[in-house]
Amino acid sequence: MERDRVMLVDFDPTVVGISSQPFWLFWSAANGRAVSHAPDYFARHDDGTAVVIGCRPAERRGPRDRAKFEATEAARAEVG
């Protein structure tokens, strides 16, 4: 699935850069446990905008996966 997603992004003429597992997020869960996550891809568009891409289908995300995707979205929203 990751290969297919990156191939689609690579064919987008507005994408000028792609990075695989571009950064790590670290935080503490509600129970105090340390949690980390690296999104699958980051793509930069020629207009300066960017997208963070997670490749796991929603139907295959368990509770811990959903928490990681939600944390990634919160970080993306905070950064802009």
N, C-alpha and C. Protein backbone atom coordinates (compact mmCIF):
# COMPACT_ATOMS: atom_id res chain seq x y z
N MET A 1 0.81 -1.18 0.00
CA MET A 1 0.00 0.00 0.00
C MET A 1 0.87 1.27 0.00
N GLU A 2 1.95 1.26 0.78
CA GLU A 2 2.82 2.43 0.80
C GLU A 2 3.43 2.68 -0.57
N ARG A 3 3.85 1.61 -1.24
CA ARG A 3 4.44 1.77 -2.57
C ARG A 3 3.44 2.40 -3.53
N ASP A 4 2.20 1.92 -3.51
CA ASP A 4 1.18 2.46 -4.40
C ASP A 4 0.92 3.93 -4.12
N ARG A 5 0.86 4.29 -2.83
CA ARG A 5 0.60 5.68 -2.46
C ARG A 5 1.73 6.60 -2.92
N VAL A 6 2.98 6.18 -2.71
CA VAL A 6 4.09 7.05 -3.11
C VAL A 6 4.17 7.16 -4.62
N MET A 7 3.80 6.10 -5.34
CA MET A 7 3.79 6.19 -6.80
C MET A 7 2.75 7.21 -7.27
N LEU A 8 1.58 7.21 -6.65
CA LEU A 8 0.55 8.20 -7.01
C LEU A 8 1.04 9.62 -6.74
N VAL A 9 1.65 9.81 -5.58
CA VAL A 9 2.15 11.14 -5.23
C VAL A 9 3.25 11.56 -6.20
N ASP A 10 4.12 10.62 -6.57
CA ASP A 10 5.22 10.93 -7.48
C ASP A 10 4.72 11.36 -8.86
N PHE A 11 3.58 10.86 -9.28
CA PHE A 11 3.03 11.24 -10.58
C PHE A 11 2.29 12.56 -10.55
N ASP A 12 2.06 13.12 -9.38
CA ASP A 12 1.39 14.42 -9.27
C ASP A 12 2.36 15.50 -9.72
N PRO A 13 2.05 16.24 -10.79
CA PRO A 13 3.00 17.23 -11.30
C PRO A 13 3.22 18.41 -10.35
N THR A 14 2.36 18.58 -9.36
CA THR A 14 2.55 19.68 -8.41
C THR A 14 3.46 19.32 -7.25
N VAL A 15 3.80 18.05 -7.11
CA VAL A 15 4.67 17.60 -6.01
C VAL A 15 6.13 17.78 -6.42
N VAL A 16 6.87 18.52 -5.58
CA VAL A 16 8.28 18.80 -5.88
C VAL A 16 9.23 18.06 -4.95
N GLY A 17 8.70 17.42 -3.92
CA GLY A 17 9.55 16.66 -3.00
C GLY A 17 8.75 15.67 -2.19
N ILE A 18 9.36 14.52 -1.94
CA ILE A 18 8.72 13.47 -1.14
C ILE A 18 9.76 12.94 -0.15
N SER A 19 9.32 12.71 1.08
CA SER A 19 10.20 12.14 2.08
C SER A 19 9.47 10.98 2.76
N SER A 20 10.17 9.87 2.93
CA SER A 20 9.61 8.70 3.60
C SER A 20 9.92 8.77 5.09
N GLN A 21 8.95 8.48 5.93
CA GLN A 21 9.06 8.60 7.38
C GLN A 21 9.85 9.86 7.75
N PRO A 22 9.25 11.01 7.44
CA PRO A 22 9.97 12.28 7.51
C PRO A 22 10.27 12.80 8.91
N PHE A 23 9.54 12.36 9.91
CA PHE A 23 9.77 12.84 11.27
C PHE A 23 9.10 11.88 12.26
N TRP A 24 9.49 12.02 13.50
CA TRP A 24 8.88 11.23 14.58
C TRP A 24 8.14 12.17 15.51
N LEU A 25 6.99 11.73 15.97
CA LEU A 25 6.25 12.44 17.01
C LEU A 25 6.35 11.61 18.29
N PHE A 26 6.55 12.27 19.41
CA PHE A 26 6.63 11.61 20.71
C PHE A 26 5.68 12.31 21.66
N TRP A 27 4.91 11.55 22.42
CA TRP A 27 3.99 12.12 23.41
C TRP A 27 3.68 11.06 24.46
N SER A 28 2.96 11.48 25.49
CA SER A 28 2.53 10.56 26.54
C SER A 28 1.05 10.28 26.39
N ALA A 29 0.68 9.01 26.47
CA ALA A 29 -0.73 8.62 26.43
C ALA A 29 -1.39 9.03 27.75
N ALA A 30 -2.71 8.94 27.79
CA ALA A 30 -3.46 9.31 29.00
C ALA A 30 -2.99 8.52 30.21
N ASN A 31 -2.53 7.29 29.99
CA ASN A 31 -2.05 6.47 31.10
C ASN A 31 -0.59 6.74 31.45
N GLY A 32 0.02 7.72 30.79
CA GLY A 32 1.41 8.09 31.05
C GLY A 32 2.44 7.32 30.24
N ARG A 33 1.99 6.35 29.47
CA ARG A 33 2.89 5.55 28.65
C ARG A 33 3.46 6.38 27.49
N ALA A 34 4.74 6.22 27.21
CA ALA A 34 5.37 6.92 26.09
C ALA A 34 4.86 6.32 24.78
N VAL A 35 4.54 7.19 23.84
CA VAL A 35 4.03 6.79 22.53
C VAL A 35 4.84 7.53 21.46
N SER A 36 5.06 6.87 20.33
CA SER A 36 5.74 7.52 19.21
C SER A 36 5.11 7.07 17.90
N HIS A 37 5.31 7.89 16.87
CA HIS A 37 4.77 7.56 15.55
C HIS A 37 5.54 8.33 14.48
N ALA A 38 5.82 7.65 13.37
CA ALA A 38 6.41 8.29 12.20
C ALA A 38 5.42 8.13 11.05
N PRO A 39 4.90 9.24 10.51
CA PRO A 39 4.01 9.14 9.34
C PRO A 39 4.76 8.49 8.18
N ASP A 40 4.00 7.94 7.24
CA ASP A 40 4.63 7.24 6.12
C ASP A 40 5.34 8.18 5.15
N TYR A 41 4.70 9.28 4.80
CA TYR A 41 5.30 10.20 3.82
C TYR A 41 4.96 11.64 4.12
N PHE A 42 5.80 12.52 3.59
CA PHE A 42 5.58 13.96 3.58
C PHE A 42 5.81 14.39 2.14
N ALA A 43 4.90 15.15 1.59
CA ALA A 43 5.08 15.64 0.21
C ALA A 43 4.92 17.16 0.18
N ARG A 44 5.83 17.82 -0.52
CA ARG A 44 5.80 19.28 -0.68
C ARG A 44 5.30 19.59 -2.08
N HIS A 45 4.36 20.53 -2.17
CA HIS A 45 3.84 20.97 -3.47
C HIS A 45 4.58 22.21 -3.95
N ASP A 46 4.50 22.47 -5.24
CA ASP A 46 5.22 23.60 -5.82
C ASP A 46 4.71 24.95 -5.33
N ASP A 47 3.53 25.00 -4.72
CA ASP A 47 3.03 26.27 -4.18
C ASP A 47 3.42 26.46 -2.71
N GLY A 48 4.25 25.55 -2.17
CA GLY A 48 4.72 25.66 -0.80
C GLY A 48 3.88 24.89 0.21
N THR A 49 2.70 24.43 -0.18
CA THR A 49 1.89 23.65 0.73
C THR A 49 2.46 22.24 0.84
N ALA A 50 2.00 21.51 1.84
CA ALA A 50 2.52 20.17 2.06
C ALA A 50 1.41 19.27 2.56
N VAL A 51 1.67 17.97 2.49
CA VAL A 51 0.72 16.98 2.99
C VAL A 51 1.50 15.89 3.73
N VAL A 52 0.96 15.47 4.87
CA VAL A 52 1.49 14.34 5.62
C VAL A 52 0.59 13.15 5.32
N ILE A 53 1.19 12.04 4.94
CA ILE A 53 0.42 10.89 4.45
C ILE A 53 0.64 9.67 5.34
N GLY A 54 -0.47 9.12 5.81
CA GLY A 54 -0.47 7.84 6.50
C GLY A 54 -1.15 6.83 5.59
N CYS A 55 -0.57 5.67 5.42
CA CYS A 55 -1.06 4.72 4.42
C CYS A 55 -1.95 3.61 4.95
N ARG A 56 -2.09 3.47 6.24
CA ARG A 56 -2.92 2.37 6.76
C ARG A 56 -4.39 2.69 6.54
N PRO A 57 -5.12 1.78 5.89
CA PRO A 57 -6.55 2.02 5.65
C PRO A 57 -7.32 2.13 6.98
N ALA A 58 -8.33 2.96 6.99
CA ALA A 58 -9.12 3.19 8.21
C ALA A 58 -9.68 1.90 8.79
N GLU A 59 -10.10 0.98 7.93
CA GLU A 59 -10.69 -0.26 8.43
C GLU A 59 -9.66 -1.19 9.08
N ARG A 60 -8.38 -0.90 8.90
CA ARG A 60 -7.32 -1.72 9.51
C ARG A 60 -6.67 -1.01 10.69
N ARG A 61 -7.24 0.08 11.15
CA ARG A 61 -6.68 0.83 12.28
C ARG A 61 -7.36 0.42 13.58
N GLY A 62 -6.56 -0.09 14.50
CA GLY A 62 -7.06 -0.40 15.83
C GLY A 62 -7.05 0.85 16.69
N PRO A 63 -7.43 0.74 17.96
CA PRO A 63 -7.47 1.91 18.84
C PRO A 63 -6.12 2.62 18.97
N ARG A 64 -5.04 1.86 19.10
CA ARG A 64 -3.72 2.51 19.22
C ARG A 64 -3.34 3.21 17.92
N ASP A 65 -3.65 2.58 16.79
CA ASP A 65 -3.37 3.22 15.49
C ASP A 65 -4.17 4.50 15.34
N ARG A 66 -5.44 4.46 15.69
CA ARG A 66 -6.28 5.66 15.58
C ARG A 66 -5.72 6.79 16.43
N ALA A 67 -5.26 6.47 17.63
CA ALA A 67 -4.67 7.49 18.50
C ALA A 67 -3.44 8.11 17.85
N LYS A 68 -2.64 7.29 17.19
CA LYS A 68 -1.44 7.81 16.53
C LYS A 68 -1.80 8.70 15.34
N PHE A 69 -2.79 8.29 14.56
CA PHE A 69 -3.21 9.11 13.42
C PHE A 69 -3.84 10.42 13.91
N GLU A 70 -4.60 10.36 15.00
CA GLU A 70 -5.19 11.58 15.56
C GLU A 70 -4.11 12.52 16.07
N ALA A 71 -3.08 11.98 16.72
CA ALA A 71 -1.98 12.82 17.20
C ALA A 71 -1.22 13.45 16.04
N THR A 72 -1.04 12.69 14.97
CA THR A 72 -0.38 13.24 13.78
C THR A 72 -1.20 14.38 13.19
N GLU A 73 -2.50 14.20 13.11
CA GLU A 73 -3.38 15.26 12.59
C GLU A 73 -3.34 16.49 13.49
N ALA A 74 -3.34 16.29 14.80
CA ALA A 74 -3.27 17.43 15.73
C ALA A 74 -1.96 18.20 15.55
N ALA A 75 -0.85 17.46 15.39
CA ALA A 75 0.44 18.14 15.17
C ALA A 75 0.45 18.88 13.85
N ARG A 76 -0.13 18.26 12.82
CA ARG A 76 -0.19 18.93 11.51
C ARG A 76 -1.01 20.19 11.59
N ALA A 77 -2.14 20.15 12.28
CA ALA A 77 -3.00 21.32 12.42
C ALA A 77 -2.29 22.43 13.19
N GLU A 78 -1.51 22.06 14.20
CA GLU A 78 -0.81 23.05 14.99
C GLU A 78 0.29 23.75 14.19
N VAL A 79 0.99 22.98 13.37
CA VAL A 79 2.07 23.54 12.57
C VAL A 79 1.53 24.30 11.36
N GLY A 80 0.44 23.77 10.79
CA GLY A 80 -0.17 24.46 9.65
C GLY A 80 0.14 23.86 8.36
